[in-house]
C-alpha atoms as a PDB file:
ATOM      1  CA  MET A   1     133.211 -23.551  94.380  1.00  0.00           C
ATOM      2  CA  ARG A   2     130.628 -21.140  95.594  1.00  0.00           C
ATOM      3  CA  LEU A   3     130.676 -19.462  92.197  1.00  0.00           C
ATOM      4  CA  ILE A   4     129.973 -22.753  90.450  1.00  0.00           C
ATOM      5  CA  PHE A   5     127.173 -23.613  92.893  1.00  0.00           C
ATOM      6  CA  GLY A   6     125.573 -20.174  92.408  1.00  0.00           C
ATOM      7  CA  LEU A   7     125.791 -20.513  88.585  1.00  0.00           C
ATOM      8  CA  VAL A   8     124.197 -23.933  88.695  1.00  0.00           C
ATOM      9  CA  LEU A   9     121.405 -22.562  90.970  1.00  0.00           C
ATOM     10  CA  VAL A  10     120.691 -19.678  88.600  1.00  0.00           C
ATOM     11  CA  ILE A  11     120.616 -22.009  85.621  1.00  0.00           C
ATOM     12  CA  GLY A  12     118.297 -24.405  87.493  1.00  0.00           C
ATOM     13  CA  ILE A  13     115.909 -21.575  88.452  1.00  0.00           C
ATOM     14  CA  GLY A  14     115.898 -20.399  84.827  1.00  0.00           C
ATOM     15  CA  LEU A  15     115.148 -23.826  83.484  1.00  0.00           C
ATOM     16  CA  ALA A  16     112.330 -24.318  86.018  1.00  0.00           C
ATOM     17  CA  GLY A  17     110.784 -20.955  85.001  1.00  0.00           C
ATOM     18  CA  PHE A  18     111.006 -21.906  81.358  1.00  0.00           C
ATOM     19  CA  ALA A  19     109.366 -25.254  82.121  1.00  0.00           C
ATOM     20  CA  VAL A  20     106.552 -23.538  83.981  1.00  0.00           C
ATOM     21  CA  TYR A  21     106.029 -21.134  81.104  1.00  0.00           C
ATOM     22  CA  MET A  22     105.897 -23.929  78.546  1.00  0.00           C
ATOM     23  CA  ALA A  23     103.536 -25.965  80.730  1.00  0.00           C
ATOM     24  CA  ARG A  24     101.179 -22.995  81.178  1.00  0.00           C
ATOM     25  CA  ASP A  25     101.185 -22.358  77.384  1.00  0.00           C
ATOM     26  CA  PHE A  26     100.446 -26.036  76.685  1.00  0.00           C
ATOM     27  CA  ILE A  27      97.639 -26.182  79.260  1.00  0.00           C
ATOM     28  CA  GLY A  28      96.157 -22.990  77.928  1.00  0.00           C
ATOM     29  CA  GLY A  29      96.192 -24.277  74.410  1.00  0.00           C
ATOM     30  CA  TYR A  30      94.638 -27.606  75.456  1.00  0.00           C
ATOM     31  CA  GLN A  31      91.827 -25.801  77.382  1.00  0.00           C
ATOM     32  CA  ALA A  32      91.146 -23.577  74.352  1.00  0.00           C
ATOM     33  CA  GLN A  33      90.910 -26.668  72.072  1.00  0.00           C
ATOM     34  CA  LEU A  34      88.681 -28.432  74.596  1.00  0.00           C
ATOM     35  CA  ALA A  35      86.361 -25.381  74.755  1.00  0.00           C
ATOM     36  CA  ALA A  36      86.273 -25.185  70.961  1.00  0.00           C
ATOM     37  CA  GLU A  37      85.385 -28.850  70.694  1.00  0.00           C
ATOM     38  CA  ARG A  38      82.585 -28.485  73.233  1.00  0.00           C
ATOM     39  CA  ALA A  39      81.180 -25.439  71.385  1.00  0.00           C
ATOM     40  CA  ALA A  40      81.276 -27.328  68.072  1.00  0.00           C
ATOM     41  CA  ARG A  41      79.589 -30.336  69.673  1.00  0.00           C
ATOM     42  CA  SER A  42      76.787 -28.134  71.068  1.00  0.00           C
ATOM     43  CA  ALA A  43      76.287 -26.557  67.630  1.00  0.00           C
ATOM     44  CA  ILE A  44      75.569 -29.990  66.037  1.00  0.00           C
ATOM     45  CA  VAL A  45      71.822 -30.305  65.487  1.00  0.00           C
ATOM     46  CA  PRO A  46      70.287 -33.803  65.701  1.00  0.00           C
ATOM     47  CA  THR A  47      68.714 -34.845  62.370  1.00  0.00           C
ATOM     48  CA  VAL A  48      66.285 -37.461  61.107  1.00  0.00           C
ATOM     49  CA  ASP A  49      65.445 -38.718  57.637  1.00  0.00           C
ATOM     50  CA  VAL A  50      62.526 -36.880  55.991  1.00  0.00           C
ATOM     51  CA  LEU A  51      61.143 -37.361  52.462  1.00  0.00           C
ATOM     52  CA  VAL A  52      61.155 -34.364  50.086  1.00  0.00           C
ATOM     53  CA  VAL A  53      60.081 -33.967  46.440  1.00  0.00           C
ATOM     54  CA  ASN A  54      62.905 -33.726  43.938  1.00  0.00           C
ATOM     55  CA  LYS A  55      61.118 -31.426  41.505  1.00  0.00           C
ATOM     56  CA  SER A  56      58.358 -28.841  41.400  1.00  0.00           C
ATOM     57  CA  LEU A  57      54.880 -30.444  41.358  1.00  0.00           C
ATOM     58  CA  ARG A  58      51.528 -28.805  40.576  1.00  0.00           C
ATOM     59  CA  TYR A  59      47.944 -29.631  41.344  1.00  0.00           C
ATOM     60  CA  GLY A  60      46.734 -32.901  39.751  1.00  0.00           C
ATOM     61  CA  GLU A  61      50.184 -34.382  39.134  1.00  0.00           C
ATOM     62  CA  GLN A  62      50.933 -37.886  40.357  1.00  0.00           C
ATOM     63  CA  ILE A  63      53.723 -38.622  42.818  1.00  0.00           C
ATOM     64  CA  THR A  64      55.558 -41.968  42.632  1.00  0.00           C
ATOM     65  CA  GLU A  65      58.834 -43.137  44.215  1.00  0.00           C
ATOM     66  CA  LYS A  66      60.744 -41.455  41.328  1.00  0.00           C
ATOM     67  CA  GLU A  67      59.659 -37.957  42.617  1.00  0.00           C
ATOM     68  CA  ILE A  68      60.761 -38.546  46.210  1.00  0.00           C
ATOM     69  CA  ARG A  69      64.126 -38.644  47.961  1.00  0.00           C
ATOM     70  CA  SER A  70      65.324 -38.781  51.586  1.00  0.00           C
ATOM     71  CA  VAL A  71      67.262 -35.949  53.244  1.00  0.00           C
ATOM     72  CA  LYS A  72      68.550 -35.149  56.762  1.00  0.00           C
ATOM     73  CA  TRP A  73      66.240 -32.700  58.498  1.00  0.00           C
ATOM     74  CA  PRO A  74      66.684 -30.934  61.848  1.00  0.00           C
ATOM     75  CA  GLU A  75      64.861 -33.042  64.439  1.00  0.00           C
ATOM     76  CA  ASN A  76      63.375 -29.999  66.232  1.00  0.00           C
ATOM     77  CA  ALA A  77      62.074 -28.372  63.053  1.00  0.00           C
ATOM     78  CA  ILE A  78      60.148 -31.173  61.279  1.00  0.00           C
ATOM     79  CA  PRO A  79      56.842 -29.911  59.700  1.00  0.00           C
ATOM     80  CA  GLU A  80      53.741 -31.624  60.964  1.00  0.00           C
ATOM     81  CA  GLY A  81      52.449 -34.375  58.640  1.00  0.00           C
ATOM     82  CA  THR A  82      55.752 -35.267  56.956  1.00  0.00           C
ATOM     83  CA  PHE A  83      56.730 -38.720  55.854  1.00  0.00           C
ATOM     84  CA  ARG A  84      59.952 -40.504  56.897  1.00  0.00           C
ATOM     85  CA  THR A  85      59.866 -43.728  54.889  1.00  0.00           C
ATOM     86  CA  ILE A  86      58.570 -44.807  51.475  1.00  0.00           C
ATOM     87  CA  GLU A  87      56.401 -47.364  53.338  1.00  0.00           C
ATOM     88  CA  GLU A  88      54.520 -44.519  55.030  1.00  0.00           C
ATOM     89  CA  VAL A  89      53.821 -42.843  51.672  1.00  0.00           C
ATOM     90  CA  PHE A  90      52.852 -46.081  49.860  1.00  0.00           C
ATOM     91  CA  PRO A  91      51.604 -48.621  52.410  1.00  0.00           C
ATOM     92  CA  GLU A  92      51.723 -52.321  51.491  1.00  0.00           C
ATOM     93  CA  GLY A  93      48.791 -53.372  49.352  1.00  0.00           C
ATOM     94  CA  GLU A  94      47.965 -49.780  48.225  1.00  0.00           C
ATOM     95  CA  ARG A  95      48.460 -48.371  44.704  1.00  0.00           C
ATOM     96  CA  LYS A  96      51.918 -46.870  44.375  1.00  0.00           C
ATOM     97  CA  PHE A  97      51.002 -43.239  43.667  1.00  0.00           C
ATOM     98  CA  ARG A  98      49.407 -40.211  45.281  1.00  0.00           C
ATOM     99  CA  THR A  99      48.086 -37.076  43.676  1.00  0.00           C
ATOM    100  CA  VAL A 100      49.146 -33.502  44.372  1.00  0.00           C
ATOM    101  CA  ILE A 101      46.317 -31.332  45.827  1.00  0.00           C
ATOM    102  CA  ARG A 102      48.562 -28.377  46.780  1.00  0.00           C
ATOM    103  CA  ALA A 103      51.576 -27.241  44.737  1.00  0.00           C
ATOM    104  CA  MET A 104      55.051 -28.074  46.023  1.00  0.00           C
ATOM    105  CA  GLU A 105      58.447 -26.739  45.085  1.00  0.00           C
ATOM    106  CA  LYS A 106      61.716 -28.690  44.616  1.00  0.00           C
ATOM    107  CA  ASP A 107      63.206 -29.997  47.936  1.00  0.00           C
ATOM    108  CA  GLU A 108      60.009 -29.156  49.842  1.00  0.00           C
ATOM    109  CA  ALA A 109      59.037 -31.696  52.536  1.00  0.00           C
ATOM    110  CA  LEU A 110      56.316 -34.036  51.390  1.00  0.00           C
ATOM    111  CA  MET A 111      53.314 -33.549  53.760  1.00  0.00           C
ATOM    112  CA  ALA A 112      50.001 -35.359  54.032  1.00  0.00           C
ATOM    113  CA  ILE A 113      47.932 -32.206  53.641  1.00  0.00           C
ATOM    114  CA  LYS A 114      49.391 -31.661  50.167  1.00  0.00           C
ATOM    115  CA  VAL A 115      48.728 -35.053  48.641  1.00  0.00           C
ATOM    116  CA  SER A 116      45.729 -37.341  48.273  1.00  0.00           C
ATOM    117  CA  LYS A 117      45.408 -40.728  49.878  1.00  0.00           C
ATOM    118  CA  PRO A 118      47.292 -43.600  48.193  1.00  0.00           C
ATOM    119  CA  GLY A 119      45.865 -44.333  44.778  1.00  0.00           C
ATOM    120  CA  ALA A 120      43.322 -41.452  44.902  1.00  0.00           C
ATOM    121  CA  ASP A 121      42.934 -38.591  42.442  1.00  0.00           C
ATOM    122  CA  ALA A 122      42.709 -34.882  43.237  1.00  0.00           C
ATOM    123  CA  GLY A 123      38.929 -34.885  43.528  1.00  0.00           C
ATOM    124  CA  VAL A 124      36.779 -33.681  46.395  1.00  0.00           C
ATOM    125  CA  SER A 125      36.584 -37.129  48.046  1.00  0.00           C
ATOM    126  CA  SER A 126      40.390 -37.071  48.704  1.00  0.00           C
ATOM    127  CA  ARG A 127      39.965 -33.919  50.806  1.00  0.00           C
ATOM    128  CA  LEU A 128      37.162 -35.054  53.118  1.00  0.00           C
ATOM    129  CA  SER A 129      38.122 -35.742  56.676  1.00  0.00           C
ATOM    130  CA  GLN A 130      36.865 -38.799  58.526  1.00  0.00           C
ATOM    131  CA  GLY A 131      33.115 -38.602  59.196  1.00  0.00           C
ATOM    132  CA  MET A 132      32.641 -35.395  57.119  1.00  0.00           C
ATOM    133  CA  ARG A 133      30.478 -34.903  54.000  1.00  0.00           C
ATOM    134  CA  ALA A 134      30.565 -32.661  50.948  1.00  0.00           C
ATOM    135  CA  PHE A 135      27.588 -30.327  50.358  1.00  0.00           C
ATOM    136  CA  ALA A 136      27.081 -28.016  47.391  1.00  0.00           C
ATOM    137  CA  ILE A 137      25.679 -24.532  47.864  1.00  0.00           C
ATOM    138  CA  ARG A 138      24.278 -22.514  44.980  1.00  0.00           C
ATOM    139  CA  VAL A 139      25.825 -19.025  44.761  1.00  0.00           C
ATOM    140  CA  ASP A 140      25.978 -16.041  42.415  1.00  0.00           C
ATOM    141  CA  VAL A 141      28.241 -12.982  42.123  1.00  0.00           C
ATOM    142  CA  SER A 142      26.753 -11.380  45.272  1.00  0.00           C
ATOM    143  CA  SER A 143      26.208 -14.379  47.530  1.00  0.00           C
ATOM    144  CA  GLY A 144      29.587 -15.844  46.421  1.00  0.00           C
ATOM    145  CA  VAL A 145      31.777 -12.912  47.481  1.00  0.00           C
ATOM    146  CA  SER A 146      32.253 -11.622  43.933  1.00  0.00           C
ATOM    147  CA  GLY A 147      34.067 -14.755  42.786  1.00  0.00           C
ATOM    148  CA  PHE A 148      37.010 -14.445  45.270  1.00  0.00           C
ATOM    149  CA  LEU A 149      36.316 -17.798  46.938  1.00  0.00           C
ATOM    150  CA  ARG A 150      38.714 -20.640  46.405  1.00  0.00           C
ATOM    151  CA  PRO A 151      39.256 -24.108  47.867  1.00  0.00           C
ATOM    152  CA  GLY A 152      40.826 -23.936  51.340  1.00  0.00           C
ATOM    153  CA  ASP A 153      39.028 -20.753  52.324  1.00  0.00           C
ATOM    154  CA  LYS A 154      36.603 -20.612  55.247  1.00  0.00           C
ATOM    155  CA  VAL A 155      33.195 -18.932  55.113  1.00  0.00           C
ATOM    156  CA  ASP A 156      30.278 -17.992  57.361  1.00  0.00           C
ATOM    157  CA  ILE A 157      26.890 -19.045  55.988  1.00  0.00           C
ATOM    158  CA  TYR A 158      23.875 -16.757  56.470  1.00  0.00           C
ATOM    159  CA  TRP A 159      20.269 -17.710  55.787  1.00  0.00           C
ATOM    160  CA  THR A 160      17.635 -15.143  54.669  1.00  0.00           C
ATOM    161  CA  GLY A 161      13.971 -16.064  54.774  1.00  0.00           C
ATOM    162  CA  ARG A 162      10.689 -15.457  56.640  1.00  0.00           C
ATOM    163  CA  GLY A 163      10.747 -15.614  60.441  1.00  0.00           C
ATOM    164  CA  ARG A 164       9.046 -14.133  63.458  1.00  0.00           C
ATOM    165  CA  ASN A 165      10.193 -11.270  65.613  1.00  0.00           C
ATOM    166  CA  ASP A 166       9.970 -10.956  69.401  1.00  0.00           C
ATOM    167  CA  ALA A 167       6.330  -9.883  69.064  1.00  0.00           C
ATOM    168  CA  GLY A 168       5.454 -13.000  67.140  1.00  0.00           C
ATOM    169  CA  GLU A 169       4.916 -11.084  63.900  1.00  0.00           C
ATOM    170  CA  ALA A 170       6.163 -12.543  60.597  1.00  0.00           C
ATOM    171  CA  GLU A 171       9.030 -10.620  58.965  1.00  0.00           C
ATOM    172  CA  ALA A 172      12.060 -11.127  56.782  1.00  0.00           C
ATOM    173  CA  VAL A 173      15.124 -12.187  58.808  1.00  0.00           C
ATOM    174  CA  THR A 174      18.810 -12.966  58.132  1.00  0.00           C
ATOM    175  CA  LYS A 175      20.498 -15.422  60.495  1.00  0.00           C
ATOM    176  CA  LEU A 176      24.033 -16.856  60.804  1.00  0.00           C
ATOM    177  CA  ILE A 177      23.531 -20.646  60.665  1.00  0.00           C
ATOM    178  CA  GLN A 178      27.109 -21.953  60.222  1.00  0.00           C
ATOM    179  CA  ALA A 179      30.492 -20.320  60.994  1.00  0.00           C
ATOM    180  CA  ASN A 180      34.005 -21.068  59.791  1.00  0.00           C
ATOM    181  CA  VAL A 181      32.953 -23.691  57.259  1.00  0.00           C
ATOM    182  CA  PRO A 182      35.866 -24.884  55.041  1.00  0.00           C
ATOM    183  CA  LEU A 183      35.493 -24.851  51.239  1.00  0.00           C
ATOM    184  CA  ILE A 184      36.797 -27.872  49.433  1.00  0.00           C
ATOM    185  CA  ALA A 185      35.795 -27.002  45.863  1.00  0.00           C
ATOM    186  CA  VAL A 186      34.532 -24.105  43.773  1.00  0.00           C
ATOM    187  CA  ASP A 187      32.428 -25.252  40.808  1.00  0.00           C
ATOM    188  CA  GLN A 188      34.217 -28.368  39.530  1.00  0.00           C
ATOM    189  CA  THR A 189      37.721 -27.574  40.723  1.00  0.00           C
ATOM    190  CA  ALA A 190      39.432 -28.325  44.089  1.00  0.00           C
ATOM    191  CA  ASP A 191      42.656 -26.567  43.153  1.00  0.00           C
ATOM    192  CA  SER A 192      43.571 -24.235  46.053  1.00  0.00           C
ATOM    193  CA  ASP A 193      46.438 -22.719  44.024  1.00  0.00           C
ATOM    194  CA  ARG A 194      44.001 -21.097  41.555  1.00  0.00           C
ATOM    195  CA  THR A 195      44.451 -17.343  41.457  1.00  0.00           C
ATOM    196  CA  GLY A 196      42.151 -14.550  40.233  1.00  0.00           C
ATOM    197  CA  PRO A 197      38.404 -14.161  40.723  1.00  0.00           C
ATOM    198  CA  ASN A 198      36.046 -16.688  39.248  1.00  0.00           C
ATOM    199  CA  VAL A 199      32.288 -16.175  39.504  1.00  0.00           C
ATOM    200  CA  ALA A 200      31.099 -19.640  40.487  1.00  0.00           C
ATOM    201  CA  ARG A 201      27.618 -21.137  40.367  1.00  0.00           C
ATOM    202  CA  THR A 202      28.250 -23.622  43.224  1.00  0.00           C
ATOM    203  CA  VAL A 203      30.688 -24.015  46.101  1.00  0.00           C
ATOM    204  CA  THR A 204      31.261 -27.252  47.998  1.00  0.00           C
ATOM    205  CA  VAL A 205      31.725 -27.213  51.762  1.00  0.00           C
ATOM    206  CA  GLU A 206      32.936 -29.817  54.226  1.00  0.00           C
ATOM    207  CA  VAL A 207      30.335 -30.376  56.980  1.00  0.00           C
ATOM    208  CA  THR A 208      28.929 -33.043  59.320  1.00  0.00           C
ATOM    209  CA  PRO A 209      25.907 -35.107  58.273  1.00  0.00           C
ATOM    210  CA  ARG A 210      23.719 -33.028  60.653  1.00  0.00           C
ATOM    211  CA  GLN A 211      24.928 -29.799  59.101  1.00  0.00           C
ATOM    212  CA  VAL A 212      24.138 -31.229  55.654  1.00  0.00           C
ATOM    213  CA  ALA A 213      20.487 -31.644  56.805  1.00  0.00           C
ATOM    214  CA  ALA A 214      20.411 -28.060  58.208  1.00  0.00           C
ATOM    215  CA  LEU A 215      21.920 -26.567  55.070  1.00  0.00           C
ATOM    216  CA  ALA A 216      19.569 -28.516  52.803  1.00  0.00           C
ATOM    217  CA  GLN A 217      16.584 -27.250  54.714  1.00  0.00           C
ATOM    218  CA  ALA A 218      17.903 -23.701  54.785  1.00  0.00           C
ATOM    219  CA  GLN A 219      18.596 -23.694  51.023  1.00  0.00           C
ATOM    220  CA  SER A 220      15.120 -24.974  50.200  1.00  0.00           C
ATOM    221  CA  SER A 221      13.297 -22.496  52.461  1.00  0.00           C
ATOM    222  CA  GLY A 222      15.303 -19.339  51.851  1.00  0.00           C
ATOM    223  CA  ARG A 223      18.476 -17.857  50.348  1.00  0.00           C
ATOM    224  CA  LEU A 224      22.062 -18.639  51.464  1.00  0.00           C
ATOM    225  CA  THR A 225      24.812 -16.001  51.451  1.00  0.00           C
ATOM    226  CA  LEU A 226      28.512 -16.551  52.155  1.00  0.00           C
ATOM    227  CA  ALA A 227      30.869 -14.255  54.029  1.00  0.00           C
ATOM    228  CA  LEU A 228      34.633 -14.889  53.559  1.00  0.00           C
ATOM    229  CA  VAL A 229      36.545 -15.441  56.862  1.00  0.00           C
ATOM    230  CA  GLY A 230      40.081 -13.999  57.155  1.00  0.00           C
ATOM    231  CA  ALA A 231      42.932 -16.521  56.752  1.00  0.00           C
ATOM    232  CA  ARG A 232      44.146 -15.856  60.348  1.00  0.00           C
ATOM    233  CA  ASP A 233      40.792 -15.144  61.926  1.00  0.00           C
ATOM    234  CA  ASP A 234      40.080 -17.595  64.764  1.00  0.00           C
ATOM    235  CA  THR A 235      37.444 -15.585  66.635  1.00  0.00           C
ATOM    236  CA  THR A 236      34.288 -17.253  67.893  1.00  0.00           C
ATOM    237  CA  ILE A 237      31.060 -15.669  66.650  1.00  0.00           C
ATOM    238  CA  ASP A 238      28.006 -15.449  68.862  1.00  0.00           C
ATOM    239  CA  GLU A 239      24.466 -16.091  67.460  1.00  0.00           C
ATOM    240  CA  ILE A 240      23.475 -13.414  64.944  1.00  0.00           C
ATOM    241  CA  GLU A 241      19.939 -12.748  63.734  1.00  0.00           C
ATOM    242  CA  VAL A 242      18.735  -9.516  62.168  1.00  0.00           C
ATOM    243  CA  GLY A 243      15.077  -8.829  61.315  1.00  0.00           C
ATOM    244  CA  GLN A 244      13.661  -6.281  58.883  1.00  0.00           C
ATOM    245  CA  GLY A 245      12.308  -4.252  61.806  1.00  0.00           C
ATOM    246  CA  GLU A 246      15.837  -3.778  63.179  1.00  0.00           C
ATOM    247  CA  ILE A 247      16.995  -2.336  59.850  1.00  0.00           C
ATOM    248  CA  ILE A 248      14.181   0.047  59.026  1.00  0.00           C
ATOM    249  CA  GLY A 249      12.935   0.650  62.591  1.00  0.00           C
ATOM    250  CA  GLU A 250       9.446   0.369  63.878  1.00  0.00           C
ATOM    251  CA  PHE A 251       6.845   1.115  61.235  1.00  0.00           C
ATOM    252  CA  THR A 252       3.648   2.953  62.327  1.00  0.00           C
ATOM    253  CA  ALA A 253       0.863   3.185  59.754  1.00  0.00           C
ATOM    254  CA  PRO A 254      -0.444   6.742  59.340  1.00  0.00           C
ATOM    255  CA  GLU A 255      -3.841   7.448  60.797  1.00  0.00           C
ATOM    256  CA  LYS A 256      -6.599   7.401  58.276  1.00  0.00           C
ATOM    257  CA  GLU A 257      -8.030  10.860  57.529  1.00  0.00           C
ATOM    258  CA  THR A 258     -11.662  11.301  58.469  1.00  0.00           C
ATOM    259  CA  CYS A 259     -14.077  14.005  57.289  1.00  0.00           C
ATOM    260  CA  THR A 260     -17.226  15.114  59.133  1.00  0.00           C
ATOM    261  CA  VAL A 261     -20.021  17.565  58.726  1.00  0.00           C
ATOM    262  CA  ARG A 262     -21.815  19.331  61.608  1.00  0.00           C
ATOM    263  CA  THR A 263     -25.523  20.042  61.697  1.00  0.00           C
ATOM    264  CA  ARG A 264     -27.559  21.913  64.314  1.00  0.00           C
ATOM    265  CA  ARG A 265     -30.819  20.622  65.521  1.00  0.00           C
ATOM    266  CA  GLY A 266     -32.144  23.174  67.865  1.00  0.00           C
ATOM    267  CA  ALA A 267     -29.651  23.503  70.689  1.00  0.00           C
ATOM    268  CA  GLU A 268     -27.869  20.230  69.738  1.00  0.00           C
ATOM    269  CA  ILE A 269     -24.935  19.943  67.282  1.00  0.00           C
ATOM    270  CA  ILE A 270     -24.679  16.598  65.522  1.00  0.00           C
ATOM    271  CA  GLU A 271     -21.343  15.546  63.861  1.00  0.00           C
ATOM    272  CA  THR A 272     -21.789  13.117  60.951  1.00  0.00           C
ATOM    273  CA  GLN A 273     -18.851  11.318  59.247  1.00  0.00           C
ATOM    274  CA  ILE A 274     -18.791  11.642  55.439  1.00  0.00           C
ATOM    275  CA  PRO A 275     -16.405  10.428  52.668  1.00  0.00           C
ATOM    276  CA  CYS A 276     -13.493  12.760  52.294  1.00  0.00           C
ATOM    277  CA  PRO A 277     -13.243  14.526  48.987  1.00  0.00           C
ATOM    278  CA  GLU A 278     -10.474  13.338  46.627  1.00  0.00           C
END
């Protein structure tokens, strides 16, 4: 009897141990699956609908609904100025096309800075910001940075003319009159994707109405020269003015040579100025 009781006890303990082992294995597997699910859930990035172009587009081409499609885009990585609906691209009552002003590749997000306003062409007027004006500046190979200017660049504008130095004397001066002015056209093109140098005769800048008046006065009273600003240069420039005297230094006229002759009159010597011989 005791033998049977002992055998049953051993078998019971064994079954209990096996049950504990199975339960621990099951719980471990469940926890691993739960952790994997949580990791997968945290890896899911929220997305929103963004419009992209479905083919490569170059400057001057028109965009209609046929060239646009909607895709899912990571919500935390949406480029500034994108469109999410067709209604944003073509508002009600507007003409149903825009014009490319910056080249775009297939599946690139459609952005406001790369297209004209609804129904507009790729001309200069489509690039002007609210309240700004376009002003043309005459340039040549030297004042126009050897033809390396293109739409989208920024330039500093210098004026050279007649001014007065600290002593109130008239002299030639060169002065910075406008800094970091954006170019919106070179000659008759506003294509910012143009490559290679092109010696232009005029460049068009985007300025305020007051700056237009200042530039018009400067262009009529002297000579304007452009200096190209680096693409990533955001430094602030102080007032700059350089006069001719600062370049060549103070100029002192040589003393005029004088010639004299001495004559004796008794005990007195008289010195008389006469023309110097050639």
